[in-house]
Amino acid sequence: MILQALAKEYESLAEQGKVSQPGWCQAKVSYEINLYADGRIKQIICLKQEKEVGKKKVFIPKTMKVPQMVTRSSGVAANFLCDNSKYLLGIDAEGTSGWIMDRFLAAKEKHLSVLEGTDGIMAQAVRGFFKNWNPENAQECPELKEQWEGITDGGNLVFGMNEFYAQDDPEIQKKWNASQSETEEETSGICLVTGNYGPISRIHRFIKGVPGAQSSGAALVSFNAPAFESYGKEQSYNAPVGKYAEFAYTTALNYLLGQEDYRFQLGDTRVVFWAESGEEAYQDFFASFLEPKSDNEEILKAVFAGLKKQKYLDLDQFELNPNQKFYILGLAPNAARLSVRFFYEDSFENILKHLAEHYQRIEIVKPVWEQNSYLGIRAMLAETVNQKAKDKNPISNMASMVLQAILAGNRYPASLYTDTMIRIRAEQGNVTWKKAAILKAYLIQNYHLEKGEHYMGLNEGCTQEAYVLGRLFAVLEAIQMDANPGIKATIRDRYFNSACATPAIVFPILFKLENSHIKKLERNNPSAKIYYEKQIMEIMGKLGEKMSNRLTLEDQGQFDLGYYHQMQKKYEKREEK
């Protein structure tokens, strides 16, 4: 199903001219070997382009259309017209050697073979280069000396003459395309992707752009040991994919992974997404939903309202079809291969509805300084990690499962809840609005906590013991803070974790401390004493005759939520004053 969806995406991209035709690919090229007509090196031209990444300016290779590059696992395999210095020049940073010379000779044989019988100036220049170039004399070439370090750093090189590249020459293109049809003996069969009978791809091209995988790329479909094979089918013949389908899905996936606006990182998982029609408007809209910002919140609110009324979606005067099929794919590195974390497929309308429901569940009263109305998914997952740690990525499996749950409207994984609780305990009860929002969403979706406006802010009518105890703890802390202005450590730092877990043991201690704090208020601020005593009486009236000895994990989340709501109510009153 994944390969079928990617093959369809390739066809959509090909119609728009965004990807190469069979026999060609996009590659990153660092330098051009500019030739004279007789094949001598005229100059080496750097093709790297300056780009601003964050606050730094870096030089990145130029992306160019080149003849289809081979998949290298081991041994010697030369590319045509685009390769590294070992193949095209027979050198590396140290010069040349026997094993490097083998690579140059393979490239020489391939170029002379493909370009045999050509009369064009460009083709003759390339043939002349391979006939006359001696890698042992490379260090004496002044054109190479000037940029030796850059040329031999492993980047791709191409040939050119004057202002034209060899791969753009019509005669060379014709010869290359003809050479692709002159294939060796092939294994044929029924393609599992298209259902057509034809040549089967033995080795699939590598996929690039997944952080953590090998820089040269990693395979999505690969069998390299007898344990993974069956019925005597070796390598990728074990899961037959036709050569066209293999080219199509690898080309489409490499294109998607190369689009910065339509990919994002979630833990160790690289997520890409696309619409079946290939229209970028759907990707733009989905990306804005994943990471809402203050400048696009009004659009999202309008879409939420439109979804409730079952209206068509409108974005920049482009009418989006709610029934458009939309795909989300998560890939993670796994040695020389890629593992599929998840693959989700649904109508665009359903995906947006589930996202809207998630944002509604996670909505909560916030501090006055917080400008964003919505908590983005990556920002939410960041709350489960110690931000002072070296590795600030959320647990990989958990991050992927959270995204799947949101997209499908399913229950959140328990690890989202427990990891958030662990962070609150590690920070001695520092219940931020983001952590409280996560607890609220989880309790609503997984434990069927009452929905609606009741739990967006303080629910004074709630009689759930854990929630009420959280409110009570917040009031007791407020009394201590008002009785001791400027205090650096409160009861939260010492007692929050134990009060949340074993209230019957800890709250009697807190009441004793509260008595002394109330006496201070009676002397210094009598009106505050009366206010807090009324609050405590009102809250205590919602508790039963006996406190629980222990609270369950679900109850502890409600305790934290009650604490946050009560503290936020206190800050709201201060802001009103």
Protein backbone atom coordinates (compact mmCIF):
# COMPACT_ATOMS: atom_id res chain seq x y z
CA MET A 1 0.00 0.00 0.00
CA ILE A 2 2.86 2.41 0.81
CA LEU A 3 4.64 1.71 -2.47
CA GLN A 4 1.39 2.03 -4.43
CA ALA A 5 0.66 5.42 -2.89
CA LEU A 6 4.21 6.61 -3.62
CA ALA A 7 4.04 5.31 -7.21
CA LYS A 8 0.84 7.34 -7.74
CA GLU A 9 2.54 10.37 -6.22
CA TYR A 10 5.39 9.97 -8.70
CA GLU A 11 2.95 10.06 -11.61
CA SER A 12 1.34 13.23 -10.24
CA LEU A 13 4.75 14.87 -9.77
CA ALA A 14 5.90 13.77 -13.23
CA GLU A 15 2.84 15.42 -14.82
CA GLN A 16 3.84 18.65 -13.08
CA GLY A 17 7.46 18.30 -14.23
CA LYS A 18 8.81 18.15 -10.67
CA VAL A 19 10.60 14.80 -10.95
CA SER A 20 12.78 13.07 -13.51
CA GLN A 21 11.64 10.56 -16.09
CA PRO A 22 12.84 6.91 -15.91
CA GLY A 23 16.57 6.67 -16.50
CA TRP A 24 17.21 10.03 -14.82
CA CYS A 25 17.34 11.32 -11.26
CA GLN A 26 18.10 14.37 -9.16
CA ALA A 27 21.53 14.50 -7.52
CA LYS A 28 23.52 16.98 -5.44
CA VAL A 29 26.57 18.15 -7.37
CA SER A 30 29.52 20.04 -5.87
CA TYR A 31 31.86 20.69 -8.81
CA GLU A 32 31.97 20.80 -12.61
CA ILE A 33 34.95 19.49 -14.59
CA ASN A 34 34.96 21.99 -17.45
CA LEU A 35 36.67 20.56 -20.54
CA TYR A 36 38.30 21.74 -23.74
CA ALA A 37 37.01 20.14 -26.96
CA ASP A 38 39.93 17.69 -26.95
CA GLY A 39 39.12 16.48 -23.41
CA ARG A 40 41.77 18.39 -21.47
CA ILE A 41 40.66 19.99 -18.19
CA LYS A 42 40.05 23.71 -18.70
CA GLN A 43 38.98 24.58 -15.17
CA ILE A 44 37.18 23.26 -12.08
CA ILE A 45 34.00 25.22 -11.28
CA CYS A 46 32.45 25.10 -7.81
CA LEU A 47 28.68 24.63 -8.05
CA LYS A 48 27.93 24.96 -4.35
CA GLN A 49 25.38 27.61 -3.46
CA GLU A 50 25.28 29.77 -0.35
CA LYS A 51 22.28 29.19 1.89
CA GLU A 52 21.27 30.61 5.25
CA VAL A 53 20.57 27.89 7.83
CA GLY A 54 19.43 29.45 11.08
CA LYS A 55 21.95 32.17 11.86
CA LYS A 56 24.71 30.59 9.81
CA LYS A 57 25.51 30.74 6.11
CA VAL A 58 26.58 27.43 4.58
CA PHE A 59 27.45 26.23 1.09
CA ILE A 60 25.34 23.36 -0.21
CA PRO A 61 25.69 21.34 -3.44
CA LYS A 62 23.54 22.23 -6.43
CA THR A 63 20.67 19.85 -7.23
CA MET A 64 20.81 18.78 -10.88
CA LYS A 65 19.12 16.33 -13.23
CA VAL A 66 21.63 13.59 -14.06
CA PRO A 67 21.56 10.06 -15.53
CA GLN A 68 20.15 7.47 -13.13
CA MET A 69 22.76 6.66 -10.48
CA VAL A 70 23.51 3.12 -9.43
CA THR A 71 22.83 1.65 -5.98
CA ARG A 72 26.14 0.75 -4.37
CA SER A 73 26.26 -1.81 -1.60
CA SER A 74 29.78 -3.13 -2.19
CA GLY A 75 32.23 -3.60 -5.03
CA VAL A 76 32.81 -1.29 -7.98
CA ALA A 77 29.88 0.32 -9.83
CA ALA A 78 30.33 3.47 -11.89
CA ASN A 79 27.75 6.14 -12.63
CA PHE A 80 27.42 7.92 -15.95
CA LEU A 81 28.46 11.61 -16.13
CA CYS A 82 27.94 12.20 -12.38
CA ASP A 83 30.10 10.60 -9.71
CA ASN A 84 32.72 11.32 -7.06
CA SER A 85 36.42 12.00 -7.67
CA LYS A 86 37.42 8.34 -7.24
CA TYR A 87 35.44 7.35 -10.33
CA LEU A 88 35.71 10.39 -12.57
CA LEU A 89 39.29 11.44 -11.72
CA GLY A 90 40.77 8.35 -10.08
CA ILE A 91 41.84 10.25 -6.94
CA ASP A 92 40.94 10.85 -3.31
CA ALA A 93 42.43 13.24 -0.77
CA GLU A 94 45.68 11.21 -0.65
CA GLY A 95 46.04 10.85 -4.42
CA THR A 96 45.55 7.57 -6.27
CA SER A 97 46.05 3.88 -5.50
CA GLY A 98 45.22 0.47 -6.91
CA TRP A 99 41.67 0.20 -5.57
CA ILE A 100 40.89 3.78 -6.63
CA MET A 101 42.30 3.11 -10.08
CA ASP A 102 39.85 0.19 -10.43
CA ARG A 103 36.98 2.65 -9.96
CA PHE A 104 38.36 5.07 -12.55
CA LEU A 105 38.82 2.26 -15.08
CA ALA A 106 35.20 1.13 -14.49
CA ALA A 107 34.00 4.69 -15.16
CA LYS A 108 36.24 4.93 -18.22
CA GLU A 109 34.85 1.72 -19.68
CA LYS A 110 31.26 2.81 -19.08
CA HIS A 111 31.65 6.26 -20.64
CA LEU A 112 33.54 5.04 -23.69
CA SER A 113 30.96 2.29 -24.19
CA VAL A 114 27.85 4.48 -23.88
CA LEU A 115 29.31 7.30 -26.00
CA GLU A 116 30.76 5.06 -28.71
CA GLY A 117 29.86 6.25 -32.22
CA THR A 118 28.86 9.79 -31.16
CA ASP A 119 30.09 12.76 -33.19
CA GLY A 120 28.90 15.61 -30.96
CA ILE A 121 31.50 18.04 -29.56
CA MET A 122 30.44 17.43 -25.94
CA ALA A 123 30.48 13.63 -26.28
CA GLN A 124 33.88 13.72 -27.98
CA ALA A 125 35.23 15.93 -25.20
CA VAL A 126 34.14 13.43 -22.53
CA ARG A 127 35.56 10.51 -24.53
CA GLY A 128 38.78 12.44 -25.04
CA PHE A 129 39.07 13.05 -21.32
CA PHE A 130 38.79 9.36 -20.40
CA LYS A 131 41.16 8.29 -23.17
CA ASN A 132 43.91 10.71 -22.15
CA TRP A 133 43.49 11.29 -18.39
CA ASN A 134 46.08 9.65 -16.13
CA PRO A 135 45.17 9.77 -12.41
CA GLU A 136 48.84 9.38 -11.45
CA ASN A 137 49.51 12.85 -12.89
CA ALA A 138 46.53 14.47 -11.12
CA GLN A 139 48.63 16.24 -8.50
CA GLU A 140 50.57 17.98 -11.24
CA CYS A 141 47.37 19.44 -12.76
CA PRO A 142 47.18 23.13 -11.69
CA GLU A 143 43.37 23.25 -12.17
CA LEU A 144 42.94 20.44 -9.62
CA LYS A 145 45.54 21.73 -7.17
CA GLU A 146 43.57 24.90 -6.51
CA GLN A 147 40.49 23.03 -5.24
CA TRP A 148 41.92 19.61 -4.34
CA GLU A 149 40.40 19.42 -0.89
CA GLY A 150 36.89 20.29 -2.06
CA ILE A 151 36.99 18.02 -5.11
CA THR A 152 38.05 14.97 -3.08
CA ASP A 153 35.64 15.37 -0.16
CA GLY A 154 33.23 12.78 -1.60
CA GLY A 155 30.83 15.14 -3.39
CA ASN A 156 29.56 14.51 -6.91
CA LEU A 157 31.23 15.94 -10.00
CA VAL A 158 29.84 16.46 -13.51
CA PHE A 159 31.37 17.26 -16.89
CA GLY A 160 30.77 20.43 -18.81
CA MET A 161 32.10 22.55 -21.65
CA ASN A 162 31.82 26.31 -21.89
CA GLU A 163 28.46 27.06 -20.22
CA PHE A 164 26.76 23.69 -20.83
CA TYR A 165 26.66 20.47 -18.85
CA ALA A 166 27.29 17.12 -20.52
CA GLN A 167 24.04 15.58 -19.23
CA ASP A 168 22.05 18.34 -20.97
CA ASP A 169 23.51 17.58 -24.42
CA PRO A 170 20.68 16.19 -26.66
CA GLU A 171 22.93 13.64 -28.39
CA ILE A 172 24.28 12.33 -25.08
CA GLN A 173 20.77 12.11 -23.67
CA LYS A 174 19.69 10.09 -26.70
CA LYS A 175 22.61 7.69 -26.31
CA TRP A 176 21.96 7.28 -22.59
CA ASN A 177 18.26 6.56 -23.06
CA ALA A 178 19.10 4.01 -25.75
CA SER A 179 21.61 2.31 -23.46
CA GLN A 180 18.90 1.83 -20.82
CA SER A 181 16.88 -0.41 -23.13
CA GLU A 182 19.93 -2.60 -23.83
CA THR A 183 19.69 -4.41 -20.51
CA GLU A 184 21.28 -7.66 -19.51
CA GLU A 185 19.28 -10.81 -18.90
CA GLU A 186 16.56 -9.92 -16.40
CA THR A 187 14.22 -11.79 -14.10
CA SER A 188 10.60 -11.09 -14.98
CA GLY A 189 7.46 -11.53 -12.95
CA ILE A 190 4.29 -9.87 -11.71
CA CYS A 191 4.92 -6.58 -9.93
CA LEU A 192 3.28 -6.44 -6.50
CA VAL A 193 2.75 -2.68 -6.88
CA THR A 194 1.26 -2.35 -10.37
CA GLY A 195 0.12 -5.92 -11.02
CA ASN A 196 1.85 -5.82 -14.42
CA TYR A 197 4.19 -8.49 -15.80
CA GLY A 198 7.69 -7.29 -16.59
CA PRO A 199 11.33 -6.97 -15.41
CA ILE A 200 11.74 -7.14 -11.63
CA SER A 201 14.15 -4.83 -9.83
CA ARG A 202 16.89 -6.80 -8.04
CA ILE A 203 18.24 -3.93 -5.92
CA HIS A 204 16.15 -0.91 -4.98
CA ARG A 205 17.61 2.58 -4.97
CA PHE A 206 18.50 4.15 -1.65
CA ILE A 207 16.30 6.68 0.10
CA LYS A 208 18.05 9.84 1.28
CA GLY A 209 16.98 12.50 3.75
CA VAL A 210 16.22 10.48 6.89
CA PRO A 211 18.43 11.77 9.76
CA GLY A 212 20.40 9.04 11.47
CA ALA A 213 20.57 6.81 8.39
CA GLN A 214 23.71 6.50 6.29
CA SER A 215 24.59 9.68 4.41
CA SER A 216 24.63 7.74 1.12
CA GLY A 217 21.05 6.66 1.77
CA ALA A 218 19.23 3.62 3.13
CA ALA A 219 16.96 1.00 1.58
CA LEU A 220 13.25 0.84 2.22
CA VAL A 221 12.94 -2.59 0.55
CA SER A 222 15.92 -4.90 1.06
CA PHE A 223 16.72 -8.57 1.70
CA ASN A 224 20.36 -9.36 2.38
CA ALA A 225 20.38 -12.67 4.26
CA PRO A 226 18.85 -16.14 3.78
CA ALA A 227 16.81 -15.64 6.96
CA PHE A 228 14.76 -12.97 5.19
CA GLU A 229 14.29 -14.92 1.97
CA SER A 230 11.76 -17.58 1.06
CA TYR A 231 11.13 -20.14 -1.70
CA GLY A 232 14.65 -19.59 -3.03
CA LYS A 233 13.90 -15.98 -3.96
CA GLU A 234 17.06 -13.97 -3.35
CA GLN A 235 17.44 -10.25 -2.68
CA SER A 236 14.42 -8.14 -3.72
CA TYR A 237 13.02 -10.96 -5.86
CA ASN A 238 11.58 -12.10 -2.56
CA ALA A 239 9.06 -9.25 -2.83
CA PRO A 240 8.92 -8.61 -6.59
CA VAL A 241 8.62 -4.96 -7.52
CA GLY A 242 8.83 -4.01 -11.18
CA LYS A 243 11.60 -1.73 -12.37
CA TYR A 244 9.15 1.06 -13.20
CA ALA A 245 7.44 0.85 -9.79
CA GLU A 246 10.82 0.76 -8.03
CA PHE A 247 11.94 3.86 -9.89
CA ALA A 248 8.61 5.58 -9.26
CA TYR A 249 8.36 5.02 -5.51
CA THR A 250 12.03 5.81 -4.79
CA THR A 251 11.91 8.96 -6.92
CA ALA A 252 8.71 10.19 -5.26
CA LEU A 253 9.94 9.46 -1.73
CA ASN A 254 13.32 11.11 -2.30
CA TYR A 255 11.50 14.15 -3.68
CA LEU A 256 9.18 14.36 -0.67
CA LEU A 257 12.06 13.98 1.78
CA GLY A 258 13.88 16.79 0.00
CA GLN A 259 11.03 19.30 0.50
CA GLU A 260 11.75 21.21 3.72
CA ASP A 261 8.21 22.61 3.96
CA TYR A 262 6.56 19.21 3.68
CA ARG A 263 8.51 17.16 6.19
CA PHE A 264 9.19 17.37 9.90
CA GLN A 265 11.10 15.51 12.56
CA LEU A 266 9.32 13.72 15.40
CA GLY A 267 11.85 12.11 17.72
CA ASP A 268 13.95 9.91 15.45
CA THR A 269 11.14 9.71 12.89
CA ARG A 270 11.07 11.74 9.69
CA VAL A 271 7.47 12.39 8.69
CA VAL A 272 6.40 13.22 5.13
CA PHE A 273 2.88 13.82 3.85
CA TRP A 274 1.15 14.28 0.53
CA ALA A 275 -2.22 14.32 -1.23
CA GLU A 276 -3.12 11.74 -3.86
CA SER A 277 -3.70 14.52 -6.39
CA GLY A 278 -0.17 15.86 -5.86
CA GLU A 279 -1.46 19.40 -5.14
CA GLU A 280 0.73 21.25 -2.64
CA ALA A 281 -2.18 23.23 -1.17
CA TYR A 282 -3.17 20.20 0.90
CA GLN A 283 0.36 19.85 2.22
CA ASP A 284 0.50 23.56 3.08
CA PHE A 285 -2.72 23.33 5.00
CA PHE A 286 -1.76 20.16 6.86
CA ALA A 287 1.63 21.64 7.84
CA SER A 288 -0.08 24.71 9.30
CA PHE A 289 -2.39 22.47 11.34
CA LEU A 290 0.49 20.49 12.84
CA GLU A 291 2.31 23.57 14.10
CA PRO A 292 -0.24 26.37 14.60
CA LYS A 293 1.27 29.84 14.97
CA SER A 294 -0.20 33.17 15.98
CA ASP A 295 -0.23 34.39 12.36
CA ASN A 296 -2.38 31.52 11.06
CA GLU A 297 -4.69 30.87 14.00
CA GLU A 298 -7.59 32.87 12.55
CA ILE A 299 -7.51 30.69 9.43
CA LEU A 300 -7.55 27.54 11.56
CA LYS A 301 -10.46 28.80 13.63
CA ALA A 302 -12.41 29.49 10.44
CA VAL A 303 -11.66 25.99 9.21
CA PHE A 304 -12.77 24.47 12.51
CA ALA A 305 -16.07 26.32 12.18
CA GLY A 306 -16.40 25.21 8.56
CA LEU A 307 -15.79 21.57 9.47
CA LYS A 308 -18.63 21.65 11.98
CA LYS A 309 -20.97 22.99 9.29
CA GLN A 310 -19.60 20.48 6.73
CA LYS A 311 -18.57 23.20 4.33
CA TYR A 312 -15.87 22.97 1.69
CA LEU A 313 -12.47 24.18 2.80
CA ASP A 314 -11.04 27.31 1.25
CA LEU A 315 -7.37 28.28 1.38
CA ASP A 316 -6.04 31.29 -0.52
CA GLN A 317 -8.94 31.06 -2.98
CA PHE A 318 -8.14 27.40 -3.63
CA GLU A 319 -11.07 25.13 -2.90
CA LEU A 320 -9.93 21.97 -1.13
CA ASN A 321 -11.81 18.76 -1.69
CA PRO A 322 -12.68 17.23 1.72
CA ASN A 323 -12.72 13.76 0.15
CA GLN A 324 -9.17 14.05 -1.19
CA LYS A 325 -7.11 11.05 -0.06
CA PHE A 326 -4.20 12.13 2.12
CA TYR A 327 -1.15 10.14 3.25
CA ILE A 328 1.25 10.51 6.21
CA LEU A 329 4.38 8.34 6.37
CA GLY A 330 6.88 8.11 9.24
CA LEU A 331 10.35 6.68 8.58
CA ALA A 332 13.10 5.96 11.11
CA PRO A 333 16.74 4.94 10.55
CA ASN A 334 17.71 1.32 11.12
CA ALA A 335 21.36 0.70 10.21
CA ALA A 336 21.50 0.52 6.39
CA ARG A 337 17.72 0.32 6.12
CA LEU A 338 14.66 2.35 6.96
CA SER A 339 11.91 1.17 9.26
CA VAL A 340 8.33 2.34 8.79
CA ARG A 341 7.13 3.80 12.08
CA PHE A 342 3.64 4.35 10.74
CA PHE A 343 1.64 4.92 7.59
CA TYR A 344 -1.75 6.60 7.79
CA GLU A 345 -4.25 7.11 4.99
CA ASP A 346 -7.63 8.85 5.19
CA SER A 347 -9.70 11.57 3.59
CA PHE A 348 -8.38 15.09 4.13
CA GLU A 349 -11.60 16.06 5.89
CA ASN A 350 -11.37 13.23 8.44
CA ILE A 351 -7.75 14.02 9.23
CA LEU A 352 -8.58 17.69 9.81
CA LYS A 353 -11.58 16.74 11.95
CA HIS A 354 -9.43 14.55 14.17
CA LEU A 355 -6.83 17.31 14.48
CA ALA A 356 -9.57 19.81 15.36
CA GLU A 357 -10.93 17.45 18.02
CA HIS A 358 -7.46 17.06 19.49
CA TYR A 359 -6.94 20.82 19.70
CA GLN A 360 -10.35 21.19 21.34
CA ARG A 361 -9.44 18.57 23.96
CA ILE A 362 -6.08 20.18 24.69
CA GLU A 363 -7.47 23.71 25.01
CA ILE A 364 -7.00 25.11 28.51
CA VAL A 365 -6.83 28.42 30.34
CA LYS A 366 -3.37 29.93 29.86
CA PRO A 367 -1.19 32.60 31.44
CA VAL A 368 -1.93 36.08 30.13
CA TRP A 369 1.50 36.32 28.47
CA GLU A 370 0.90 33.26 26.28
CA GLN A 371 -0.06 34.45 22.79
CA ASN A 372 -0.64 31.17 20.93
CA SER A 373 -4.12 29.71 21.16
CA TYR A 374 -3.09 26.19 20.11
CA LEU A 375 -0.38 23.86 21.40
CA GLY A 376 1.42 22.29 18.42
CA ILE A 377 2.15 18.57 18.44
CA ARG A 378 5.92 18.90 18.60
CA ALA A 379 5.68 21.52 21.35
CA MET A 380 3.36 19.14 23.23
CA LEU A 381 5.82 16.25 22.95
CA ALA A 382 8.66 18.49 24.15
CA GLU A 383 6.89 18.68 27.52
CA THR A 384 7.62 14.99 28.09
CA VAL A 385 11.40 15.57 27.95
CA ASN A 386 13.87 17.21 30.31
CA GLN A 387 14.75 20.40 28.44
CA LYS A 388 18.05 20.63 30.34
CA ALA A 389 19.15 17.23 29.04
CA LYS A 390 21.54 16.88 26.11
CA ASP A 391 19.02 14.83 24.12
CA LYS A 392 15.77 16.79 23.97
CA ASN A 393 13.95 14.38 21.67
CA PRO A 394 10.85 12.56 22.97
CA ILE A 395 10.83 8.77 23.10
CA SER A 396 10.63 7.70 19.46
CA ASN A 397 7.89 5.08 19.66
CA MET A 398 5.78 7.27 21.90
CA ALA A 399 6.06 10.28 19.58
CA SER A 400 4.96 8.21 16.59
CA MET A 401 2.06 6.64 18.49
CA VAL A 402 0.86 10.06 19.66
CA LEU A 403 0.74 11.36 16.09
CA GLN A 404 -1.09 8.23 14.92
CA ALA A 405 -3.62 8.55 17.74
CA ILE A 406 -4.29 12.19 16.89
CA LEU A 407 -4.67 11.56 13.16
CA ALA A 408 -7.02 8.62 13.67
CA GLY A 409 -8.95 10.08 16.63
CA ASN A 410 -7.93 7.13 18.84
CA ARG A 411 -6.85 6.88 22.46
CA TYR A 412 -3.51 8.50 23.29
CA PRO A 413 -0.68 6.11 24.24
CA ALA A 414 -0.27 5.70 28.00
CA SER A 415 3.38 6.74 27.73
CA LEU A 416 2.33 10.32 26.82
CA TYR A 417 0.51 10.58 30.13
CA THR A 418 3.12 8.81 32.28
CA ASP A 419 6.06 10.73 30.75
CA THR A 420 4.27 14.02 31.42
CA MET A 421 3.59 12.96 35.01
CA ILE A 422 7.24 11.96 35.44
CA ARG A 423 8.34 15.43 34.33
CA ILE A 424 5.93 17.08 36.78
CA ARG A 425 7.29 14.92 39.63
CA ALA A 426 10.91 15.57 38.60
CA GLU A 427 10.20 19.31 38.67
CA GLN A 428 8.53 19.13 42.13
CA GLY A 429 5.02 19.86 40.94
CA ASN A 430 5.77 22.49 38.31
CA VAL A 431 2.50 22.06 36.41
CA THR A 432 2.88 24.35 33.39
CA TRP A 433 -0.08 25.15 31.16
CA LYS A 434 1.29 22.84 28.46
CA LYS A 435 1.60 19.88 30.84
CA ALA A 436 -1.85 20.58 32.26
CA ALA A 437 -3.26 20.68 28.72
CA ILE A 438 -1.75 17.25 27.99
CA LEU A 439 -3.25 15.79 31.17
CA LYS A 440 -6.64 17.28 30.36
CA ALA A 441 -6.66 15.92 26.78
CA TYR A 442 -5.54 12.48 27.93
CA LEU A 443 -8.13 12.24 30.71
CA ILE A 444 -10.91 13.28 28.34
CA GLN A 445 -9.95 10.88 25.56
CA ASN A 446 -8.77 7.88 27.59
CA TYR A 447 -10.64 8.15 30.88
CA HIS A 448 -13.77 9.96 29.62
CA LEU A 449 -13.31 13.00 31.82
CA GLU A 450 -16.23 15.38 31.42
CA LYS A 451 -15.94 17.33 28.17
CA GLY A 452 -16.91 20.89 27.43
CA GLU A 453 -15.98 24.17 29.08
CA HIS A 454 -15.88 22.71 32.61
CA TYR A 455 -12.26 21.66 32.51
CA MET A 456 -10.83 24.37 30.29
CA GLY A 457 -10.60 26.49 33.43
CA LEU A 458 -11.38 25.96 37.11
CA ASN A 459 -14.39 23.67 37.63
CA GLU A 460 -15.70 24.82 40.99
CA GLY A 461 -18.61 22.39 40.81
CA CYS A 462 -16.42 19.28 40.51
CA THR A 463 -16.61 16.87 43.47
CA GLN A 464 -13.98 14.37 42.27
CA GLU A 465 -11.75 13.83 45.30
CA ALA A 466 -8.43 14.02 43.43
CA TYR A 467 -9.37 17.23 41.60
CA VAL A 468 -10.61 18.86 44.81
CA LEU A 469 -7.44 17.84 46.67
CA GLY A 470 -5.36 19.46 43.95
CA ARG A 471 -7.35 22.68 44.42
CA LEU A 472 -6.89 22.44 48.18
CA PHE A 473 -3.12 22.03 47.87
CA ALA A 474 -2.98 25.14 45.63
CA VAL A 475 -4.88 27.20 48.25
CA LEU A 476 -2.61 25.99 51.07
CA GLU A 477 0.43 26.99 49.00
CA ALA A 478 -1.12 30.40 48.29
CA ILE A 479 -1.65 30.95 52.03
CA GLN A 480 2.02 30.15 52.70
CA MET A 481 3.19 32.49 49.93
CA ASP A 482 1.03 35.41 51.15
CA ALA A 483 2.07 34.83 54.76
CA ASN A 484 5.76 34.77 53.80
CA PRO A 485 6.31 37.24 50.92
CA GLY A 486 9.44 36.49 48.92
CA ILE A 487 9.68 32.89 50.10
CA LYS A 488 11.90 30.85 47.75
CA ALA A 489 10.68 27.32 48.52
CA THR A 490 7.05 26.45 49.23
CA ILE A 491 5.18 23.32 50.29
CA ARG A 492 5.08 22.40 46.62
CA ASP A 493 8.83 21.79 46.56
CA ARG A 494 8.71 19.42 49.54
CA TYR A 495 5.25 17.89 49.68
CA PHE A 496 3.65 18.01 46.21
CA ASN A 497 4.69 14.56 45.01
CA SER A 498 3.75 12.79 48.23
CA ALA A 499 0.48 14.74 48.62
CA CYS A 500 -0.49 13.71 45.10
CA ALA A 501 0.18 10.03 45.77
CA THR A 502 -0.75 9.59 49.47
CA PRO A 503 -3.03 12.48 50.50
CA ALA A 504 -4.29 10.93 53.77
CA ILE A 505 -0.71 10.89 55.10
CA VAL A 506 0.47 14.29 53.89
CA PHE A 507 -2.51 16.65 54.20
CA PRO A 508 -2.66 16.48 58.04
CA ILE A 509 0.93 17.80 58.01
CA LEU A 510 -0.07 20.56 55.60
CA PHE A 511 -3.01 21.59 57.81
CA LYS A 512 -0.65 22.03 60.75
CA LEU A 513 1.59 24.26 58.63
CA GLU A 514 -1.47 26.13 57.42
CA ASN A 515 -2.46 27.03 60.98
CA SER A 516 0.82 28.85 61.56
CA HIS A 517 0.56 30.62 58.19
CA ILE A 518 -3.01 31.73 58.97
CA LYS A 519 -1.84 33.24 62.28
CA LYS A 520 0.72 35.33 60.39
CA LEU A 521 -1.98 36.52 58.00
CA GLU A 522 -4.24 37.39 60.96
CA ARG A 523 -1.57 39.77 62.21
CA ASN A 524 -0.48 41.23 58.86
CA ASN A 525 -3.47 40.87 56.50
CA PRO A 526 -6.77 40.05 58.26
CA SER A 527 -8.87 40.32 55.09
CA ALA A 528 -6.69 37.71 53.36
CA LYS A 529 -7.15 35.39 56.35
CA ILE A 530 -10.93 35.60 56.04
CA TYR A 531 -10.78 35.09 52.25
CA TYR A 532 -8.64 31.96 52.50
CA GLU A 533 -10.65 30.45 55.35
CA LYS A 534 -13.81 30.78 53.25
CA GLN A 535 -12.03 29.16 50.30
CA ILE A 536 -10.84 26.23 52.40
CA MET A 537 -14.31 25.69 53.89
CA GLU A 538 -15.86 25.74 50.40
CA ILE A 539 -13.33 23.23 49.04
CA MET A 540 -13.43 20.96 52.10
CA GLY A 541 -17.20 20.81 51.74
CA LYS A 542 -16.73 18.92 48.48
CA LEU A 543 -14.61 16.19 50.10
CA GLY A 544 -15.90 13.08 51.79
CA GLU A 545 -15.45 12.28 55.45
CA LYS A 546 -12.20 10.41 54.83
CA MET A 547 -9.33 11.09 52.44
CA SER A 548 -7.98 8.28 50.30
CA ASN A 549 -4.75 6.67 51.43
CA ARG A 550 -3.53 6.38 47.83
CA LEU A 551 -4.53 7.93 44.53
CA THR A 552 -4.40 6.00 41.25
CA LEU A 553 -2.40 7.30 38.30
CA GLU A 554 -5.62 8.63 36.76
CA ASP A 555 -6.46 10.41 40.02
CA GLN A 556 -2.98 11.90 40.25
CA GLY A 557 -3.53 13.52 36.86
CA GLN A 558 -6.78 15.04 38.12
CA PHE A 559 -4.93 16.24 41.23
CA ASP A 560 -2.38 18.04 39.04
CA LEU A 561 -5.16 19.49 36.89
CA GLY A 562 -7.05 20.78 39.93
CA TYR A 563 -3.87 22.32 41.29
CA TYR A 564 -3.12 24.08 38.00
CA HIS A 565 -6.66 25.41 37.59
CA GLN A 566 -6.76 26.78 41.13
CA MET A 567 -3.37 28.47 40.80
CA GLN A 568 -4.35 29.94 37.44
CA LYS A 569 -7.54 31.33 39.00
CA LYS A 570 -5.44 33.05 41.62
CA TYR A 571 -3.22 34.67 38.98
CA GLU A 572 -6.30 35.75 37.00
CA LYS A 573 -7.64 37.61 40.02
CA ARG A 574 -4.30 39.35 40.49
CA GLU A 575 -4.33 40.41 36.83
CA GLU A 576 -7.88 41.76 37.23
CA LYS A 577 -6.79 43.84 40.22
